[in-house]
Protein backbone atom coordinates (compact mmCIF):
# COMPACT_ATOMS: atom_id res chain seq x y z
CA MET A 1 -6.61 -16.38 6.89
CA GLY A 2 -7.87 -17.22 10.36
CA THR A 3 -8.55 -14.90 13.22
CA TYR A 4 -5.66 -14.53 15.65
CA GLU A 5 -6.55 -13.74 19.26
CA PRO A 6 -3.79 -12.11 21.33
CA ASN A 7 -3.61 -13.14 24.99
CA LEU A 8 -1.64 -10.19 26.29
CA SER A 9 -2.89 -8.57 29.48
CA ALA A 10 -5.07 -5.58 28.65
CA GLU A 11 -3.49 -3.60 31.48
CA MET A 12 -0.27 -2.77 29.62
CA SER A 13 -0.08 0.84 28.45
CA ASP A 14 1.12 1.93 25.00
CA GLN A 15 4.36 3.11 26.59
CA GLU A 16 4.91 -0.28 28.27
CA LEU A 17 4.05 -2.08 25.06
CA SER A 18 6.51 0.05 23.09
CA ARG A 19 9.30 -0.78 25.55
CA ALA A 20 8.43 -4.48 25.45
CA ILE A 21 8.38 -4.45 21.64
CA GLU A 22 11.81 -2.82 21.58
CA GLN A 23 13.19 -5.52 23.87
CA LEU A 24 11.72 -8.34 21.80
CA LYS A 25 13.12 -6.80 18.61
CA LYS A 26 16.62 -6.96 20.06
CA GLU A 27 16.19 -10.52 21.31
CA LYS A 28 14.87 -11.81 17.98
CA ASN A 29 16.83 -9.57 15.58
CA ALA A 30 13.54 -8.27 14.24
CA VAL A 31 12.63 -5.24 12.18
CA ILE A 32 9.23 -3.54 12.13
CA MET A 33 8.03 -2.13 8.81
CA ALA A 34 4.87 -0.07 8.58
CA HIS A 35 2.82 1.38 5.74
CA TYR A 36 1.84 5.05 5.80
CA TYR A 37 -1.79 4.02 6.35
CA GLN A 38 -1.13 2.32 9.69
CA ARG A 39 -2.22 3.79 13.02
CA ASP A 40 -0.12 6.71 14.29
CA GLU A 41 1.27 4.73 17.23
CA VAL A 42 2.35 1.90 14.93
CA GLN A 43 4.17 4.27 12.60
CA ARG A 44 5.79 5.84 15.66
CA ILE A 45 7.51 2.62 16.77
CA ALA A 46 8.35 1.29 13.28
CA ASP A 47 11.96 0.99 12.10
CA ARG A 48 10.88 1.73 8.56
CA ILE A 49 7.75 3.41 7.22
CA GLY A 50 6.90 3.84 3.59
CA ASP A 51 4.68 2.97 0.66
CA SER A 52 4.49 -0.48 -0.91
CA LEU A 53 7.58 0.07 -3.10
CA ALA A 54 9.72 1.30 -0.21
CA LEU A 55 8.64 -1.58 2.03
CA ALA A 56 9.47 -4.11 -0.69
CA GLN A 57 12.88 -2.49 -1.17
CA TYR A 58 13.53 -2.54 2.59
CA ALA A 59 12.50 -6.19 2.84
CA ALA A 60 14.82 -7.18 0.00
CA THR A 61 17.87 -5.74 1.77
CA THR A 62 17.29 -6.20 5.51
CA ASP A 63 19.63 -8.39 7.54
CA ALA A 64 16.99 -8.99 10.22
CA ASP A 65 15.91 -12.55 10.98
CA VAL A 66 12.29 -11.52 11.57
CA ILE A 67 10.19 -9.01 9.63
CA VAL A 68 7.02 -7.69 11.24
CA MET A 69 5.03 -6.27 8.33
CA CYS A 70 2.52 -3.75 9.64
CA GLY A 71 0.28 -3.45 6.63
CA VAL A 72 -2.04 -5.82 4.85
CA HIS A 73 -1.59 -9.44 3.86
CA PHE A 74 -0.22 -8.98 0.34
CA MET A 75 2.62 -6.87 1.79
CA GLY A 76 3.55 -9.74 4.08
CA GLU A 77 3.46 -12.12 1.11
CA THR A 78 5.73 -9.83 -0.91
CA ALA A 79 8.24 -9.70 1.95
CA LYS A 80 8.15 -13.50 2.31
CA ILE A 81 8.67 -14.02 -1.42
CA LEU A 82 11.69 -11.72 -1.34
CA CYS A 83 13.01 -13.21 1.90
CA PRO A 84 12.07 -16.92 1.93
CA ASP A 85 14.57 -17.75 4.70
CA LYS A 86 13.25 -15.08 7.06
CA THR A 87 10.27 -15.25 9.38
CA VAL A 88 7.61 -12.78 8.23
CA LEU A 89 4.89 -11.87 10.72
CA ILE A 90 1.77 -9.78 10.27
CA PRO A 91 0.08 -8.37 13.40
CA ASP A 92 -3.42 -9.42 12.31
CA ALA A 93 -4.03 -12.24 9.85
CA ASP A 94 -7.40 -10.73 8.89
CA ALA A 95 -5.75 -7.59 7.48
CA GLY A 96 -6.73 -8.18 3.88
CA CYS A 97 -7.09 -5.78 0.95
CA SER A 98 -10.26 -5.04 -0.99
CA LEU A 99 -8.26 -4.32 -4.15
CA ALA A 100 -6.38 -7.62 -3.95
CA ASP A 101 -9.68 -9.37 -3.25
CA SER A 102 -11.20 -7.82 -6.39
CA CYS A 103 -8.84 -9.93 -8.51
CA ASP A 104 -9.34 -13.66 -8.11
CA ALA A 105 -6.23 -15.53 -9.29
CA ASP A 106 -8.08 -18.14 -11.36
CA GLU A 107 -10.29 -15.53 -13.03
CA PHE A 108 -7.27 -13.33 -13.75
CA ALA A 109 -5.41 -16.28 -15.28
CA ARG A 110 -8.37 -16.86 -17.61
CA PHE A 111 -8.41 -13.13 -18.43
CA VAL A 112 -4.71 -13.28 -19.33
CA LYS A 113 -5.26 -16.38 -21.46
CA ALA A 114 -8.06 -14.59 -23.33
CA HIS A 115 -5.58 -11.84 -24.34
CA PRO A 116 -2.62 -13.69 -25.87
CA GLY A 117 0.48 -11.71 -26.81
CA HIS A 118 0.06 -9.19 -23.97
CA THR A 119 2.61 -8.28 -21.33
CA VAL A 120 0.93 -8.65 -17.95
CA ILE A 121 1.48 -5.85 -15.44
CA SER A 122 -0.01 -6.33 -11.99
CA TYR A 123 -0.24 -3.82 -9.20
CA VAL A 124 1.56 -4.89 -6.04
CA ASN A 125 -1.86 -4.87 -4.32
CA THR A 126 -2.51 -8.44 -5.44
CA SER A 127 -2.13 -11.93 -4.05
CA ALA A 128 1.00 -13.99 -4.63
CA ALA A 129 -1.07 -16.23 -6.94
CA VAL A 130 -1.91 -13.25 -9.20
CA LYS A 131 1.71 -12.16 -9.21
CA ALA A 132 2.60 -15.68 -10.33
CA VAL A 133 0.83 -15.10 -13.70
CA THR A 134 2.35 -11.63 -14.07
CA ASP A 135 5.34 -10.37 -16.09
CA ILE A 136 6.03 -7.19 -14.09
CA VAL A 137 4.73 -5.98 -10.74
CA VAL A 138 4.31 -2.23 -10.22
CA THR A 139 3.34 0.18 -7.47
CA SER A 140 1.56 3.50 -7.80
CA GLY A 141 4.97 5.13 -7.40
CA ASN A 142 6.70 3.39 -10.30
CA ALA A 143 3.86 2.30 -12.62
CA ARG A 144 4.32 5.17 -15.09
CA LYS A 145 8.10 4.72 -15.22
CA ILE A 146 7.81 1.00 -15.85
CA VAL A 147 5.08 1.33 -18.49
CA ASP A 148 7.12 4.04 -20.23
CA SER A 149 10.12 1.68 -20.28
CA LEU A 150 8.25 -0.77 -22.53
CA PRO A 151 8.07 -0.38 -26.35
CA ALA A 152 5.32 1.98 -27.47
CA ASP A 153 3.56 -0.73 -29.48
CA GLU A 154 3.66 -3.37 -26.73
CA LYS A 155 0.27 -4.81 -25.84
CA ILE A 156 -0.32 -4.66 -22.09
CA ILE A 157 -2.80 -6.04 -19.58
CA PHE A 158 -2.97 -3.97 -16.39
CA GLY A 159 -4.62 -5.23 -13.24
CA PRO A 160 -6.34 -5.04 -10.95
CA ASP A 161 -6.94 -1.31 -10.33
CA ARG A 162 -9.01 0.26 -13.10
CA ASN A 163 -8.48 3.77 -11.75
CA LEU A 164 -4.69 3.54 -11.59
CA GLY A 165 -4.62 1.79 -14.96
CA GLY A 166 -6.82 4.48 -16.49
CA TYR A 167 -4.56 7.18 -15.08
CA ILE A 168 -1.45 5.51 -16.51
CA ASN A 169 -3.19 5.22 -19.88
CA SER A 170 -4.02 8.94 -19.79
CA VAL A 171 -0.47 10.12 -19.01
CA THR A 172 1.37 7.67 -21.27
CA GLY A 173 -0.98 7.55 -24.26
CA ARG A 174 -1.26 3.78 -23.89
CA ASP A 175 -4.34 1.68 -24.40
CA MET A 176 -3.74 -1.01 -21.80
CA VAL A 177 -6.44 -3.61 -21.25
CA LEU A 178 -7.70 -3.02 -17.71
CA TRP A 179 -8.97 -5.48 -15.13
CA PRO A 180 -12.05 -3.89 -13.49
CA GLY A 181 -10.91 -3.87 -9.84
CA ALA A 182 -10.77 -1.03 -7.33
CA CYS A 183 -9.79 -0.11 -3.77
CA HIS A 184 -12.90 0.37 -1.67
CA VAL A 185 -11.29 3.30 0.18
CA HIS A 186 -10.04 5.30 -2.80
CA ASP A 187 -13.15 4.52 -4.83
CA ARG A 188 -15.50 6.12 -2.29
CA PHE A 189 -14.07 9.63 -1.94
CA SER A 190 -16.70 12.32 -2.39
CA LEU A 191 -16.17 14.72 -5.28
CA GLU A 192 -18.81 17.03 -3.82
CA GLY A 193 -17.17 16.94 -0.40
CA ILE A 194 -13.79 17.82 -1.87
CA ALA A 195 -15.33 20.65 -3.90
CA GLU A 196 -16.85 22.01 -0.68
CA LEU A 197 -13.48 21.82 1.08
CA ARG A 198 -11.94 23.71 -1.82
CA ARG A 199 -14.49 26.48 -1.44
CA MET A 200 -13.66 26.69 2.26
CA HIS A 201 -9.89 26.57 1.61
CA PRO A 202 -9.35 28.27 -1.77
CA ASP A 203 -5.56 28.31 -1.45
CA ALA A 204 -5.25 24.64 -0.53
CA LYS A 205 -3.60 22.24 -2.95
CA VAL A 206 -5.51 19.03 -3.69
CA LEU A 207 -3.41 15.87 -3.45
CA VAL A 208 -4.99 12.79 -5.06
CA HIS A 209 -3.89 9.16 -5.14
CA PRO A 210 -4.22 7.57 -8.61
CA GLU A 211 -6.39 4.78 -7.18
CA CYS A 212 -9.14 7.43 -6.99
CA ARG A 213 -11.76 7.85 -9.70
CA LYS A 214 -10.94 9.98 -12.75
CA PRO A 215 -13.09 13.01 -11.79
CA LEU A 216 -11.00 13.38 -8.62
CA GLN A 217 -7.76 13.03 -10.59
CA LEU A 218 -8.91 15.83 -12.90
CA ILE A 219 -9.34 18.35 -10.07
CA ALA A 220 -6.01 17.50 -8.44
CA ASP A 221 -3.01 19.77 -8.17
CA LYS A 222 -0.93 16.61 -7.75
CA VAL A 223 -1.72 12.98 -8.56
CA GLY A 224 0.73 10.52 -7.09
CA SER A 225 1.59 7.68 -4.75
CA THR A 226 1.64 8.26 -1.01
CA ALA A 227 5.39 8.88 -1.18
CA ALA A 228 4.97 11.30 -4.10
CA LEU A 229 2.18 13.21 -2.33
CA LEU A 230 4.30 13.45 0.78
CA GLU A 231 7.25 14.83 -1.19
CA TYR A 232 5.01 17.32 -3.01
CA ALA A 233 3.68 18.62 0.30
CA ARG A 234 7.19 18.86 1.73
CA THR A 235 8.58 20.91 -1.18
CA SER A 236 5.49 22.98 -2.02
CA GLU A 237 5.25 26.62 -1.01
CA ALA A 238 1.58 26.07 -0.18
CA SER A 239 0.58 25.91 3.47
CA GLU A 240 -2.71 23.98 3.14
CA PHE A 241 -3.45 20.66 1.48
CA ILE A 242 -6.60 18.62 0.92
CA VAL A 243 -5.44 15.02 1.07
CA VAL A 244 -7.38 12.52 -1.03
CA THR A 245 -5.96 9.21 0.11
CA GLU A 246 -6.27 7.06 3.22
CA SER A 247 -5.97 9.43 6.18
CA GLY A 248 -3.15 7.52 7.88
CA ILE A 249 -0.70 9.41 5.64
CA LEU A 250 -1.48 12.61 7.57
CA TYR A 251 0.70 11.40 10.46
CA GLU A 252 3.87 11.43 8.38
CA MET A 253 2.84 14.54 6.44
CA GLN A 254 2.47 16.43 9.70
CA ASN A 255 5.79 15.05 10.94
CA LYS A 256 7.60 16.19 7.81
CA CYS A 257 5.74 19.52 7.57
CA PRO A 258 4.80 20.65 11.10
CA ASP A 259 4.00 24.20 9.98
CA LYS A 260 1.53 23.13 7.29
CA THR A 261 -2.14 22.15 7.48
CA PHE A 262 -3.44 18.85 6.09
CA ILE A 263 -7.17 18.34 5.62
CA PRO A 264 -8.47 14.79 5.08
CA ALA A 265 -10.98 14.41 2.27
CA PRO A 266 -14.34 12.82 3.12
CA ALA A 267 -15.87 9.66 1.77
CA GLN A 268 -19.32 9.59 0.21
CA ASP A 269 -22.05 9.54 2.87
CA ALA A 270 -19.38 9.77 5.58
CA GLU A 271 -20.34 10.85 9.08
CA CYS A 272 -16.81 12.14 9.75
CA GLN A 273 -14.26 14.15 7.79
CA CYS A 274 -12.06 11.15 7.03
CA ASN A 275 -11.71 8.02 4.93
CA GLN A 276 -9.94 5.10 6.55
CA CYS A 277 -9.11 1.53 5.57
CA GLU A 278 -10.45 -0.73 8.28
CA TYR A 279 -7.94 -3.43 7.31
CA MET A 280 -4.95 -1.11 7.72
CA LYS A 281 -6.22 -0.12 11.16
CA LEU A 282 -6.31 -3.73 12.43
CA GLY A 283 -2.63 -3.53 13.39
CA THR A 284 -2.07 -2.39 16.99
CA LEU A 285 0.84 -2.21 19.42
CA ARG A 286 -0.70 -5.06 21.38
CA LYS A 287 -0.85 -7.29 18.31
CA ILE A 288 2.72 -6.38 17.28
CA TYR A 289 3.95 -7.34 20.74
CA GLU A 290 2.07 -10.62 20.67
CA ALA A 291 3.32 -11.44 17.17
CA LEU A 292 6.92 -10.94 18.27
CA LYS A 293 6.34 -12.87 21.48
CA THR A 294 4.70 -15.93 19.88
CA GLY A 295 5.91 -15.87 16.27
CA LYS A 296 2.31 -15.80 15.04
CA PRO A 297 0.56 -15.03 12.75
CA GLU A 298 3.33 -16.05 10.33
CA VAL A 299 2.99 -15.36 6.60
CA THR A 300 3.62 -18.35 4.35
CA VAL A 301 3.52 -18.66 0.57
CA ASP A 302 3.35 -21.88 -1.42
CA PRO A 303 6.94 -22.42 -2.70
CA GLU A 304 5.86 -23.04 -6.30
CA ILE A 305 3.76 -19.86 -6.37
CA ALA A 306 6.50 -17.92 -4.60
CA GLN A 307 9.06 -18.97 -7.21
CA LYS A 308 6.82 -17.78 -10.05
CA ALA A 309 5.91 -14.53 -8.25
CA LEU A 310 9.52 -13.67 -7.44
CA ARG A 311 10.47 -12.97 -11.06
CA PRO A 312 7.99 -10.10 -11.69
CA ILE A 313 8.75 -8.60 -8.27
CA ARG A 314 12.49 -8.64 -8.97
CA ARG A 315 11.85 -7.11 -12.38
CA MET A 316 9.96 -4.28 -10.66
CA LEU A 317 12.82 -3.64 -8.26
CA GLU A 318 15.35 -3.62 -11.12
CA LEU A 319 13.26 -1.22 -13.22
CA SER A 320 12.74 1.05 -10.20
CA LYS A 321 16.44 1.79 -9.70
């Protein structure tokens, strides 16, 4: 993935950029999809916002000719695999994922080969090449449902997130073989910092993403995907929440629950009361405009890998209905 340098005039305001993006969308029959962890202004102009499962579902059904995937690179790959005849753009080609990077495709293939007779389940936060040696793809929102759908005695490899895999083992009674990967954002939340926030806000509910370490899962009032945490906050009678996932989700939480208070949990050794993914924050209005204007950076996937990766993604979508 090379660095893409936009050439748009720096004088354009966010409001002007938003209007220009809207015009280009109409001209090119484009749709903008954004993950909950994107910048507030990106979520504001997106046609669809959601977690990885929702974005994959949207991509599979859209009639747009161009998809601008405001997220990280594996999300763009997933959209391209599902929509090979569409143009898939990503605002910044350097928007990678530490979790996907923690699972090298060749090493994972050797790991799978070393465990014959196992069904291979891979988290969506993986490269297309890892998905190509996978039987079923899952997200944090559907992983438990999909694992529960398999026979109780089925041998399973789960990769790459050890924390999510450990959580699924704990709630399903499985003993899946886990690849030892992790998300650098969710792995660095401070247990002590969250405990201090709880002392300061004794009535607050603690919402924890399952990519977090087990001690944080154990103190949670709710463990779930970004979409599940959002729904819990929306339906809960509580008025305060300590949010233990990437802080971009607070934008949509506040939109859905304007009368409630959301407190971002800190990272270890953090100077601020937040924990952000630097890759998710690479997407900007300026880069979205430039991507639509030039058709770059475009996401491509090797056709042979894409064909192999499509099957486990489709199986995920079928099992998620």
